[in-house]
PDB file of N, CA and C in Angstrom:
ATOM      1  N   MET A   1     118.022 103.931  77.009  1.00  0.00           N
ATOM      2  CA  MET A   1     117.462 103.593  76.459  1.00  0.00           C
ATOM      3  C   MET A   1     115.781 103.145  77.370  1.00  0.00           C
ATOM      4  N   VAL A   2     117.123 102.318  78.533  1.00  0.00           N
ATOM      5  CA  VAL A   2     115.104 102.145  79.256  1.00  0.00           C
ATOM      6  C   VAL A   2     115.192 102.719  80.485  1.00  0.00           C
ATOM      7  N   ALA A   3     115.232 103.796  80.550  1.00  0.00           N
ATOM      8  CA  ALA A   3     114.817 104.921  80.965  1.00  0.00           C
ATOM      9  C   ALA A   3     114.219 105.409  80.304  1.00  0.00           C
ATOM     10  N   GLN A   4     115.082 106.378  79.222  1.00  0.00           N
ATOM     11  CA  GLN A   4     113.224 106.892  77.853  1.00  0.00           C
ATOM     12  C   GLN A   4     112.575 106.254  78.035  1.00  0.00           C
ATOM     13  N   VAL A   5     112.150 104.403  77.713  1.00  0.00           N
ATOM     14  CA  VAL A   5     111.405 103.711  77.673  1.00  0.00           C
ATOM     15  C   VAL A   5     109.598 103.799  79.128  1.00  0.00           C
ATOM     16  N   TRP A   6     110.850 103.231  80.149  1.00  0.00           N
ATOM     17  CA  TRP A   6     109.437 103.234  81.501  1.00  0.00           C
ATOM     18  C   TRP A   6     108.918 105.538  81.271  1.00  0.00           C
ATOM     19  N   GLN A   7     109.668 106.431  81.126  1.00  0.00           N
ATOM     20  CA  GLN A   7     109.581 107.308  81.245  1.00  0.00           C
ATOM     21  C   GLN A   7     108.056 107.577  79.264  1.00  0.00           C
ATOM     22  N   TRP A   8     108.133 106.870  78.831  1.00  0.00           N
ATOM     23  CA  TRP A   8     107.239 107.376  78.134  1.00  0.00           C
ATOM     24  C   TRP A   8     105.936 106.603  78.763  1.00  0.00           C
ATOM     25  N   THR A   9     106.043 105.082  78.895  1.00  0.00           N
ATOM     26  CA  THR A   9     104.835 103.809  79.738  1.00  0.00           C
ATOM     27  C   THR A   9     104.327 104.484  80.535  1.00  0.00           C
ATOM     28  N   GLY A  10     105.163 105.418  81.063  1.00  0.00           N
ATOM     29  CA  GLY A  10     105.034 105.757  82.633  1.00  0.00           C
ATOM     30  C   GLY A  10     103.605 107.298  82.813  1.00  0.00           C
ATOM     31  N   GLY A  11     105.186 107.743  81.092  1.00  0.00           N
ATOM     32  CA  GLY A  11     103.216 108.839  81.129  1.00  0.00           C
ATOM     33  C   GLY A  11     101.974 108.929  80.360  1.00  0.00           C
ATOM     34  N   ARG A  12     102.257 107.922  79.622  1.00  0.00           N
ATOM     35  CA  ARG A  12     101.234 106.623  79.053  1.00  0.00           C
ATOM     36  C   ARG A  12     100.122 106.565  80.289  1.00  0.00           C
ATOM     37  N   VAL A  13     100.496 105.494  81.116  1.00  0.00           N
ATOM     38  CA  VAL A  13      99.671 104.899  82.392  1.00  0.00           C
ATOM     39  C   VAL A  13      99.290 106.042  83.105  1.00  0.00           C
ATOM     40  N   ALA A  14     100.345 106.629  83.361  1.00  0.00           N
ATOM     41  CA  ALA A  14      99.322 108.141  84.020  1.00  0.00           C
ATOM     42  C   ALA A  14      98.632 108.570  83.532  1.00  0.00           C
ATOM     43  N   ALA A  15      99.058 109.029  82.300  1.00  0.00           N
ATOM     44  CA  ALA A  15      97.357 109.897  81.501  1.00  0.00           C
ATOM     45  C   ALA A  15      95.882 108.495  81.182  1.00  0.00           C
ATOM     46  N   CYS A  16      96.181 107.884  81.617  1.00  0.00           N
ATOM     47  CA  CYS A  16      94.674 106.809  80.884  1.00  0.00           C
ATOM     48  C   CYS A  16      94.525 106.090  82.520  1.00  0.00           C
ATOM     49  N   MET A  17      95.050 107.080  83.951  1.00  0.00           N
ATOM     50  CA  MET A  17      93.805 106.557  85.471  1.00  0.00           C
ATOM     51  C   MET A  17      93.295 108.478  85.307  1.00  0.00           C
ATOM     52  N   VAL A  18      93.453 109.145  84.659  1.00  0.00           N
ATOM     53  CA  VAL A  18      92.754 110.178  84.820  1.00  0.00           C
ATOM     54  C   VAL A  18      90.803 110.087  83.867  1.00  0.00           C
ATOM     55  N   PRO A  19      90.838 109.553  83.396  1.00  0.00           N
ATOM     56  CA  PRO A  19      89.169 109.704  83.123  1.00  0.00           C
ATOM     57  C   PRO A  19      88.957 108.056  84.493  1.00  0.00           C
ATOM     58  N   LEU A  20      89.807 107.759  85.055  1.00  0.00           N
ATOM     59  CA  LEU A  20      89.233 107.473  86.260  1.00  0.00           C
ATOM     60  C   LEU A  20      88.843 107.709  87.537  1.00  0.00           C
ATOM     61  N   LEU A  21      90.091 108.904  87.467  1.00  0.00           N
ATOM     62  CA  LEU A  21      90.275 109.848  89.104  1.00  0.00           C
ATOM     63  C   LEU A  21      88.764 110.880  88.583  1.00  0.00           C
ATOM     64  N   LEU A  22      88.768 110.633  87.535  1.00  0.00           N
ATOM     65  CA  LEU A  22      87.475 111.978  86.841  1.00  0.00           C
ATOM     66  C   LEU A  22      86.785 112.000  88.028  1.00  0.00           C
ATOM     67  N   LEU A  23      85.998 110.343  86.974  1.00  0.00           N
ATOM     68  CA  LEU A  23      84.481 109.964  87.635  1.00  0.00           C
ATOM     69  C   LEU A  23      84.526 109.545  89.019  1.00  0.00           C
ATOM     70  N   VAL A  24      85.737 109.080  89.668  1.00  0.00           N
ATOM     71  CA  VAL A  24      86.130 108.353  91.056  1.00  0.00           C
ATOM     72  C   VAL A  24      85.365 110.528  91.744  1.00  0.00           C
ATOM     73  N   GLY A  25      86.527 110.947  90.904  1.00  0.00           N
ATOM     74  CA  GLY A  25      86.628 112.955  91.763  1.00  0.00           C
ATOM     75  C   GLY A  25      84.802 113.294  91.778  1.00  0.00           C
ATOM     76  N   GLY A  26      83.601 112.762  90.220  1.00  0.00           N
ATOM     77  CA  GLY A  26      82.550 113.601  90.686  1.00  0.00           C
ATOM     78  C   GLY A  26      81.665 112.478  91.570  1.00  0.00           C
ATOM     79  N   CYS A  27      81.961 111.742  92.126  1.00  0.00           N
ATOM     80  CA  CYS A  27      81.102 110.946  91.875  1.00  0.00           C
ATOM     81  C   CYS A  27      80.885 111.459  93.875  1.00  0.00           C
ATOM     82  N   ALA A  28      82.292 111.773  94.494  1.00  0.00           N
ATOM     83  CA  ALA A  28      82.814 112.367  95.238  1.00  0.00           C
ATOM     84  C   ALA A  28      82.238 113.896  95.098  1.00  0.00           C
ATOM     85  N   LEU A  29      82.222 114.375  94.399  1.00  0.00           N
ATOM     86  CA  LEU A  29      81.836 116.017  94.103  1.00  0.00           C
ATOM     87  C   LEU A  29      79.847 116.166  95.355  1.00  0.00           C
ATOM     88  N   MET A  30      79.437 114.876  93.919  1.00  0.00           N
ATOM     89  CA  MET A  30      77.819 114.910  94.347  1.00  0.00           C
ATOM     90  C   MET A  30      77.418 114.273  95.530  1.00  0.00           C
ATOM     91  N   TYR A  31      78.438 113.536  96.374  1.00  0.00           N
ATOM     92  CA  TYR A  31      78.362 112.449  96.889  1.00  0.00           C
ATOM     93  C   TYR A  31      78.243 114.130  98.844  1.00  0.00           C
ATOM     94  N   ALA A  32      79.245 114.891  98.710  1.00  0.00           N
ATOM     95  CA  ALA A  32      79.281 116.215  99.105  1.00  0.00           C
ATOM     96  C   ALA A  32      78.264 116.839  98.579  1.00  0.00           C
ATOM     97  N   HIS A  33      77.526 117.504  98.358  1.00  0.00           N
ATOM     98  CA  HIS A  33      77.165 118.226  97.643  1.00  0.00           C
ATOM     99  C   HIS A  33      75.188 117.705  98.004  1.00  0.00           C
ATOM    100  N   GLN A  34      74.915 115.715  98.401  1.00  0.00           N
ATOM    101  CA  GLN A  34      74.295 115.787  98.109  1.00  0.00           C
ATOM    102  C   GLN A  34      74.110 115.876 100.322  1.00  0.00           C
ATOM    103  N   GLU A  35      74.294 115.252 100.431  1.00  0.00           N
ATOM    104  CA  GLU A  35      74.573 114.658 101.398  1.00  0.00           C
ATOM    105  C   GLU A  35      75.955 115.520 102.817  1.00  0.00           C
ATOM    106  N   GLY A  36      75.857 116.961 102.094  1.00  0.00           N
ATOM    107  CA  GLY A  36      77.190 118.299 103.003  1.00  0.00           C
ATOM    108  C   GLY A  36      77.960 116.897 103.676  1.00  0.00           C
ATOM    109  N   GLU A  37      78.646 115.787 103.242  1.00  0.00           N
ATOM    110  CA  GLU A  37      79.437 115.547 104.428  1.00  0.00           C
ATOM    111  C   GLU A  37      80.993 115.551 103.944  1.00  0.00           C
ATOM    112  N   ALA A  38      81.459 116.038 105.107  1.00  0.00           N
ATOM    113  CA  ALA A  38      83.446 116.218 105.294  1.00  0.00           C
ATOM    114  C   ALA A  38      83.969 115.499 105.046  1.00  0.00           C
ATOM    115  N   LEU A  39      83.535 114.152 104.123  1.00  0.00           N
ATOM    116  CA  LEU A  39      84.303 113.130 103.096  1.00  0.00           C
ATOM    117  C   LEU A  39      84.379 113.612 101.895  1.00  0.00           C
ATOM    118  N   GLY A  40      82.803 113.742 101.765  1.00  0.00           N
ATOM    119  CA  GLY A  40      82.653 114.093  99.683  1.00  0.00           C
ATOM    120  C   GLY A  40      83.859 114.554  99.528  1.00  0.00           C
ATOM    121  N   TRP A  41      84.063 116.347 100.233  1.00  0.00           N
ATOM    122  CA  TRP A  41      85.100 116.268 100.144  1.00  0.00           C
ATOM    123  C   TRP A  41      85.957 116.747 100.228  1.00  0.00           C
ATOM    124  N   LEU A  42      86.848 115.607 101.415  1.00  0.00           N
ATOM    125  CA  LEU A  42      87.956 115.144 100.555  1.00  0.00           C
ATOM    126  C   LEU A  42      88.336 114.145  99.839  1.00  0.00           C
ATOM    127  N   GLY A  43      86.539 113.614  99.476  1.00  0.00           N
ATOM    128  CA  GLY A  43      87.168 112.739  98.416  1.00  0.00           C
ATOM    129  C   GLY A  43      87.782 113.956  97.062  1.00  0.00           C
ATOM    130  N   VAL A  44      87.517 114.794  96.982  1.00  0.00           N
ATOM    131  CA  VAL A  44      87.368 115.703  95.792  1.00  0.00           C
ATOM    132  C   VAL A  44      88.967 116.173  96.368  1.00  0.00           C
ATOM    133  N   ALA A  45      88.639 116.327  97.110  1.00  0.00           N
ATOM    134  CA  ALA A  45      90.455 117.738  97.628  1.00  0.00           C
ATOM    135  C   ALA A  45      91.283 115.826  97.310  1.00  0.00           C
ATOM    136  N   VAL A  46      91.849 114.882  97.289  1.00  0.00           N
ATOM    137  CA  VAL A  46      92.325 113.300  97.083  1.00  0.00           C
ATOM    138  C   VAL A  46      92.106 113.816  95.675  1.00  0.00           C
ATOM    139  N   THR A  47      91.662 113.874  94.592  1.00  0.00           N
ATOM    140  CA  THR A  47      90.941 113.596  93.338  1.00  0.00           C
ATOM    141  C   THR A  47      91.621 114.561  92.764  1.00  0.00           C
ATOM    142  N   GLY A  48      91.922 115.630  93.672  1.00  0.00           N
ATOM    143  CA  GLY A  48      92.887 116.976  92.699  1.00  0.00           C
ATOM    144  C   GLY A  48      94.175 117.089  93.213  1.00  0.00           C
ATOM    145  N   ALA A  49      93.905 116.792  93.804  1.00  0.00           N
ATOM    146  CA  ALA A  49      95.288 116.345  94.204  1.00  0.00           C
ATOM    147  C   ALA A  49      96.274 115.689  93.253  1.00  0.00           C
ATOM    148  N   THR A  50      95.332 113.935  93.089  1.00  0.00           N
ATOM    149  CA  THR A  50      96.214 112.731  92.294  1.00  0.00           C
ATOM    150  C   THR A  50      96.182 113.478  91.534  1.00  0.00           C
ATOM    151  N   LEU A  51      95.368 114.589  90.355  1.00  0.00           N
ATOM    152  CA  LEU A  51      94.736 114.544  89.019  1.00  0.00           C
ATOM    153  C   LEU A  51      96.275 115.851  88.236  1.00  0.00           C
ATOM    154  N   VAL A  52      95.919 116.558  89.584  1.00  0.00           N
ATOM    155  CA  VAL A  52      97.225 117.700  89.480  1.00  0.00           C
ATOM    156  C   VAL A  52      99.390 116.529  89.411  1.00  0.00           C
ATOM    157  N   PHE A  53      99.134 115.504  90.313  1.00  0.00           N
ATOM    158  CA  PHE A  53     100.110 115.068  90.032  1.00  0.00           C
ATOM    159  C   PHE A  53     100.629 114.518  88.379  1.00  0.00           C
ATOM    160  N   VAL A  54      99.695 113.550  88.664  1.00  0.00           N
ATOM    161  CA  VAL A  54      98.908 113.211  86.928  1.00  0.00           C
ATOM    162  C   VAL A  54      99.673 114.105  85.558  1.00  0.00           C
ATOM    163  N   PHE A  55      98.739 114.809  85.666  1.00  0.00           N
ATOM    164  CA  PHE A  55      99.447 116.535  84.528  1.00  0.00           C
ATOM    165  C   PHE A  55     100.804 116.485  84.357  1.00  0.00           C
ATOM    166  N   GLY A  56     101.058 117.099  86.235  1.00  0.00           N
ATOM    167  CA  GLY A  56     102.201 117.067  85.937  1.00  0.00           C
ATOM    168  C   GLY A  56     103.258 116.139  85.748  1.00  0.00           C
ATOM    169  N   HIS A  57     103.314 114.764  86.380  1.00  0.00           N
ATOM    170  CA  HIS A  57     104.230 113.944  85.859  1.00  0.00           C
ATOM    171  C   HIS A  57     104.310 113.201  84.433  1.00  0.00           C
ATOM    172  N   TRP A  58     102.943 113.650  83.460  1.00  0.00           N
ATOM    173  CA  TRP A  58     103.386 112.787  82.619  1.00  0.00           C
ATOM    174  C   TRP A  58     104.014 114.456  81.742  1.00  0.00           C
ATOM    175  N   GLY A  59     103.363 115.838  81.667  1.00  0.00           N
ATOM    176  CA  GLY A  59     104.121 117.094  81.724  1.00  0.00           C
ATOM    177  C   GLY A  59     105.423 116.527  81.733  1.00  0.00           C
ATOM    178  N   ARG A  60     106.117 116.726  83.140  1.00  0.00           N
ATOM    179  CA  ARG A  60     107.366 116.263  83.039  1.00  0.00           C
ATOM    180  C   ARG A  60     108.994 115.482  82.296  1.00  0.00           C
ATOM    181  N   TYR A  61     107.855 114.140  82.625  1.00  0.00           N
ATOM    182  CA  TYR A  61     108.908 113.442  81.308  1.00  0.00           C
ATOM    183  C   TYR A  61     108.725 113.192  79.710  1.00  0.00           C
ATOM    184  N   SER A  62     108.281 114.035  79.514  1.00  0.00           N
ATOM    185  CA  SER A  62     106.921 114.179  77.914  1.00  0.00           C
ATOM    186  C   SER A  62     108.462 114.121  77.139  1.00  0.00           C
ATOM    187  N   ASP A  63     109.610 115.601  77.873  1.00  0.00           N
ATOM    188  CA  ASP A  63     110.712 115.919  77.136  1.00  0.00           C
ATOM    189  C   ASP A  63     111.432 114.635  77.505  1.00  0.00           C
ATOM    190  N   TYR A  64     111.352 113.516  78.087  1.00  0.00           N
ATOM    191  CA  TYR A  64     112.393 112.336  77.719  1.00  0.00           C
ATOM    192  C   TYR A  64     113.845 113.020  78.275  1.00  0.00           C
ATOM    193  N   ASP A  65     115.358 113.341  78.032  1.00  0.00           N
ATOM    194  CA  ASP A  65     116.101 113.727  77.736  1.00  0.00           C
ATOM    195  C   ASP A  65     116.416 114.696  78.901  1.00  0.00           C
ATOM    196  N   GLY A  66     115.644 115.983  79.542  1.00  0.00           N
ATOM    197  CA  GLY A  66     115.804 116.485  80.245  1.00  0.00           C
ATOM    198  C   GLY A  66     116.156 118.244  79.750  1.00  0.00           C
ATOM    199  N   ARG A  67     116.470 117.993  77.998  1.00  0.00           N
ATOM    200  CA  ARG A  67     117.487 119.002  77.747  1.00  0.00           C
ATOM    201  C   ARG A  67     116.670 120.354  77.467  1.00  0.00           C
ATOM    202  N   ALA A  68     116.774 121.030  78.126  1.00  0.00           N
ATOM    203  CA  ALA A  68     116.058 122.554  77.549  1.00  0.00           C
ATOM    204  C   ALA A  68     115.338 123.124  76.021  1.00  0.00           C
ATOM    205  N   THR A  69     116.429 122.074  75.201  1.00  0.00           N
ATOM    206  CA  THR A  69     116.511 122.244  74.018  1.00  0.00           C
ATOM    207  C   THR A  69     115.007 121.584  72.891  1.00  0.00           C
ATOM    208  N   VAL A  70     114.496 120.961  73.803  1.00  0.00           N
ATOM    209  CA  VAL A  70     113.826 120.315  73.652  1.00  0.00           C
ATOM    210  C   VAL A  70     112.593 120.992  72.340  1.00  0.00           C
ATOM    211  N   LYS A  71     112.044 120.860  71.364  1.00  0.00           N
ATOM    212  CA  LYS A  71     110.426 121.609  71.278  1.00  0.00           C
ATOM    213  C   LYS A  71     109.822 119.894  71.488  1.00  0.00           C
ATOM    214  N   LEU A  72     108.609 120.870  73.217  1.00  0.00           N
ATOM    215  CA  LEU A  72     107.867 119.622  73.177  1.00  0.00           C
ATOM    216  C   LEU A  72     106.584 120.388  72.769  1.00  0.00           C
ATOM    217  N   PRO A  73     105.932 118.837  72.684  1.00  0.00           N
ATOM    218  CA  PRO A  73     104.681 118.831  71.423  1.00  0.00           C
ATOM    219  C   PRO A  73     103.467 120.113  72.256  1.00  0.00           C
ATOM    220  N   ALA A  74     102.475 120.453  71.882  1.00  0.00           N
ATOM    221  CA  ALA A  74     102.060 121.563  72.514  1.00  0.00           C
ATOM    222  C   ALA A  74     100.226 120.659  73.320  1.00  0.00           C
ATOM    223  N   VAL A  75     100.690 118.972  73.399  1.00  0.00           N
ATOM    224  CA  VAL A  75      99.756 118.677  73.862  1.00  0.00           C
ATOM    225  C   VAL A  75     100.557 118.609  75.240  1.00  0.00           C
ATOM    226  N   VAL A  76     101.604 118.943  75.714  1.00  0.00           N
ATOM    227  CA  VAL A  76     102.436 119.043  76.556  1.00  0.00           C
ATOM    228  C   VAL A  76     101.787 119.923  77.308  1.00  0.00           C
ATOM    229  N   TRP A  77     102.160 121.242  76.490  1.00  0.00           N
ATOM    230  CA  TRP A  77     101.879 122.943  77.573  1.00  0.00           C
ATOM    231  C   TRP A  77     100.358 122.395  77.793  1.00  0.00           C
ATOM    232  N   LEU A  78      99.579 121.874  77.185  1.00  0.00           N
ATOM    233  CA  LEU A  78      98.615 122.021  77.517  1.00  0.00           C
ATOM    234  C   LEU A  78      98.198 121.433  78.753  1.00  0.00           C
ATOM    235  N   PHE A  79      98.700 120.196  78.762  1.00  0.00           N
ATOM    236  CA  PHE A  79      98.802 119.452  79.975  1.00  0.00           C
ATOM    237  C   PHE A  79      99.816 120.015  80.554  1.00  0.00           C
ATOM    238  N   ARG A  80     100.277 121.225  81.004  1.00  0.00           N
ATOM    239  CA  ARG A  80     100.776 121.574  82.393  1.00  0.00           C
ATOM    240  C   ARG A  80      99.993 122.430  82.154  1.00  0.00           C
ATOM    241  N   VAL A  81      99.657 123.910  81.065  1.00  0.00           N
ATOM    242  CA  VAL A  81      98.867 125.011  81.756  1.00  0.00           C
ATOM    243  C   VAL A  81      97.485 124.166  82.422  1.00  0.00           C
ATOM    244  N   ALA A  82      97.340 122.635  82.543  1.00  0.00           N
ATOM    245  CA  ALA A  82      96.149 121.924  83.091  1.00  0.00           C
ATOM    246  C   ALA A  82      96.624 121.584  84.855  1.00  0.00           C
ATOM    247  N   GLN A  83      97.444 121.077  84.791  1.00  0.00           N
ATOM    248  CA  GLN A  83      98.605 121.046  86.144  1.00  0.00           C
ATOM    249  C   GLN A  83      98.292 122.274  86.964  1.00  0.00           C
ATOM    250  N   TYR A  84      97.893 123.297  86.672  1.00  0.00           N
ATOM    251  CA  TYR A  84      98.084 125.021  87.187  1.00  0.00           C
ATOM    252  C   TYR A  84      97.218 124.686  87.496  1.00  0.00           C
ATOM    253  N   VAL A  85      95.895 124.726  86.546  1.00  0.00           N
ATOM    254  CA  VAL A  85      94.229 124.940  86.732  1.00  0.00           C
ATOM    255  C   VAL A  85      94.020 123.916  87.593  1.00  0.00           C
ATOM    256  N   LEU A  86      94.330 123.077  87.736  1.00  0.00           N
ATOM    257  CA  LEU A  86      93.831 121.609  88.461  1.00  0.00           C
ATOM    258  C   LEU A  86      94.352 121.208  90.043  1.00  0.00           C
ATOM    259  N   GLY A  87      95.820 122.404  90.427  1.00  0.00           N
ATOM    260  CA  GLY A  87      96.393 123.151  91.314  1.00  0.00           C
ATOM    261  C   GLY A  87      95.146 123.951  92.043  1.00  0.00           C
ATOM    262  N   VAL A  88      95.380 125.030  91.214  1.00  0.00           N
ATOM    263  CA  VAL A  88      94.139 126.123  91.913  1.00  0.00           C
ATOM    264  C   VAL A  88      92.399 125.737  92.370  1.00  0.00           C
ATOM    265  N   LEU A  89      92.176 124.383  91.653  1.00  0.00           N
ATOM    266  CA  LEU A  89      90.287 124.078  91.998  1.00  0.00           C
ATOM    267  C   LEU A  89      91.348 123.076  92.580  1.00  0.00           C
ATOM    268  N   ALA A  90      91.628 122.109  93.528  1.00  0.00           N
ATOM    269  CA  ALA A  90      92.344 121.136  94.610  1.00  0.00           C
ATOM    270  C   ALA A  90      92.390 122.240  95.648  1.00  0.00           C
ATOM    271  N   ALA A  91      93.298 123.495  95.822  1.00  0.00           N
ATOM    272  CA  ALA A  91      93.533 124.157  96.367  1.00  0.00           C
ATOM    273  C   ALA A  91      92.180 124.564  97.613  1.00  0.00           C
ATOM    274  N   LEU A  92      91.274 125.721  96.181  1.00  0.00           N
ATOM    275  CA  LEU A  92      89.297 125.340  95.606  1.00  0.00           C
ATOM    276  C   LEU A  92      89.350 125.420  96.949  1.00  0.00           C
ATOM    277  N   PHE A  93      89.277 124.072  96.886  1.00  0.00           N
ATOM    278  CA  PHE A  93      88.517 122.889  97.798  1.00  0.00           C
ATOM    279  C   PHE A  93      88.828 122.453  97.917  1.00  0.00           C
ATOM    280  N   VAL A  94      89.854 122.188  99.195  1.00  0.00           N
ATOM    281  CA  VAL A  94      90.692 121.987 100.359  1.00  0.00           C
ATOM    282  C   VAL A  94      89.822 123.443 100.870  1.00  0.00           C
ATOM    283  N   LEU A  95      90.567 124.887 100.155  1.00  0.00           N
ATOM    284  CA  LEU A  95      89.406 125.877 101.470  1.00  0.00           C
ATOM    285  C   LEU A  95      88.466 125.486 101.669  1.00  0.00           C
ATOM    286  N   SER A  96      87.858 125.314 101.022  1.00  0.00           N
ATOM    287  CA  SER A  96      86.312 125.625 101.121  1.00  0.00           C
ATOM    288  C   SER A  96      85.796 123.959 101.944  1.00  0.00           C
ATOM    289  N   TRP A  97      86.605 122.731 102.046  1.00  0.00           N
ATOM    290  CA  TRP A  97      85.914 122.689 102.893  1.00  0.00           C
ATOM    291  C   TRP A  97      86.188 122.648 104.431  1.00  0.00           C
ATOM    292  N   VAL A  98      87.577 122.757 104.238  1.00  0.00           N
ATOM    293  CA  VAL A  98      88.653 124.179 106.022  1.00  0.00           C
ATOM    294  C   VAL A  98      87.491 125.053 106.524  1.00  0.00           C
ATOM    295  N   LEU A  99      86.982 125.656 105.409  1.00  0.00           N
ATOM    296  CA  LEU A  99      85.922 126.816 105.945  1.00  0.00           C
ATOM    297  C   LEU A  99      85.029 126.555 106.132  1.00  0.00           C
ATOM    298  N   SER A 100      84.219 125.660 105.961  1.00  0.00           N
ATOM    299  CA  SER A 100      83.173 125.310 105.921  1.00  0.00           C
ATOM    300  C   SER A 100      83.310 124.459 107.324  1.00  0.00           C
ATOM    301  N   THR A 101      84.226 123.695 107.465  1.00  0.00           N
ATOM    302  CA  THR A 101      84.120 122.581 108.828  1.00  0.00           C
ATOM    303  C   THR A 101      84.240 124.145 110.555  1.00  0.00           C
ATOM    304  N   VAL A 102      84.598 124.974 110.295  1.00  0.00           N
ATOM    305  CA  VAL A 102      85.549 126.013 110.725  1.00  0.00           C
ATOM    306  C   VAL A 102      84.114 126.424 111.340  1.00  0.00           C
ATOM    307  N   PHE A 103      83.856 126.662 109.757  1.00  0.00           N
ATOM    308  CA  PHE A 103      82.506 127.949 110.015  1.00  0.00           C
ATOM    309  C   PHE A 103      80.634 126.953 110.943  1.00  0.00           C
ATOM    310  N   ALA A 104      80.731 125.815 110.773  1.00  0.00           N
ATOM    311  CA  ALA A 104      80.111 125.066 110.637  1.00  0.00           C
ATOM    312  C   ALA A 104      79.677 124.688 112.073  1.00  0.00           C
ATOM    313  N   SER A 105      81.410 125.294 113.410  1.00  0.00           N
ATOM    314  CA  SER A 105      80.490 124.302 114.214  1.00  0.00           C
ATOM    315  C   SER A 105      80.043 125.528 114.817  1.00  0.00           C
TER     316      SER A 105
END
């Protein structure tokens, strides 16, 4: 029972961090676009990776007992799809940063 409550609240707290992470990621992206600094792109990559972790954490622990027979709500499947989309975006951000660093010199 305690483990179920911990997983439920942990997922909700992690999901509440998403707007803050989006704000930080947006600021980092604007900084990177305006200044062309590697620090901004690093901030975008870290934000993307953190979002992937948050979405993945909420999706994995939403079925509570881990049984494959549990029917998950549609919103959990939406977050699982978002996890993969954000993973691809984070990988693209990192690849873009690496390529821009390599070809800049």
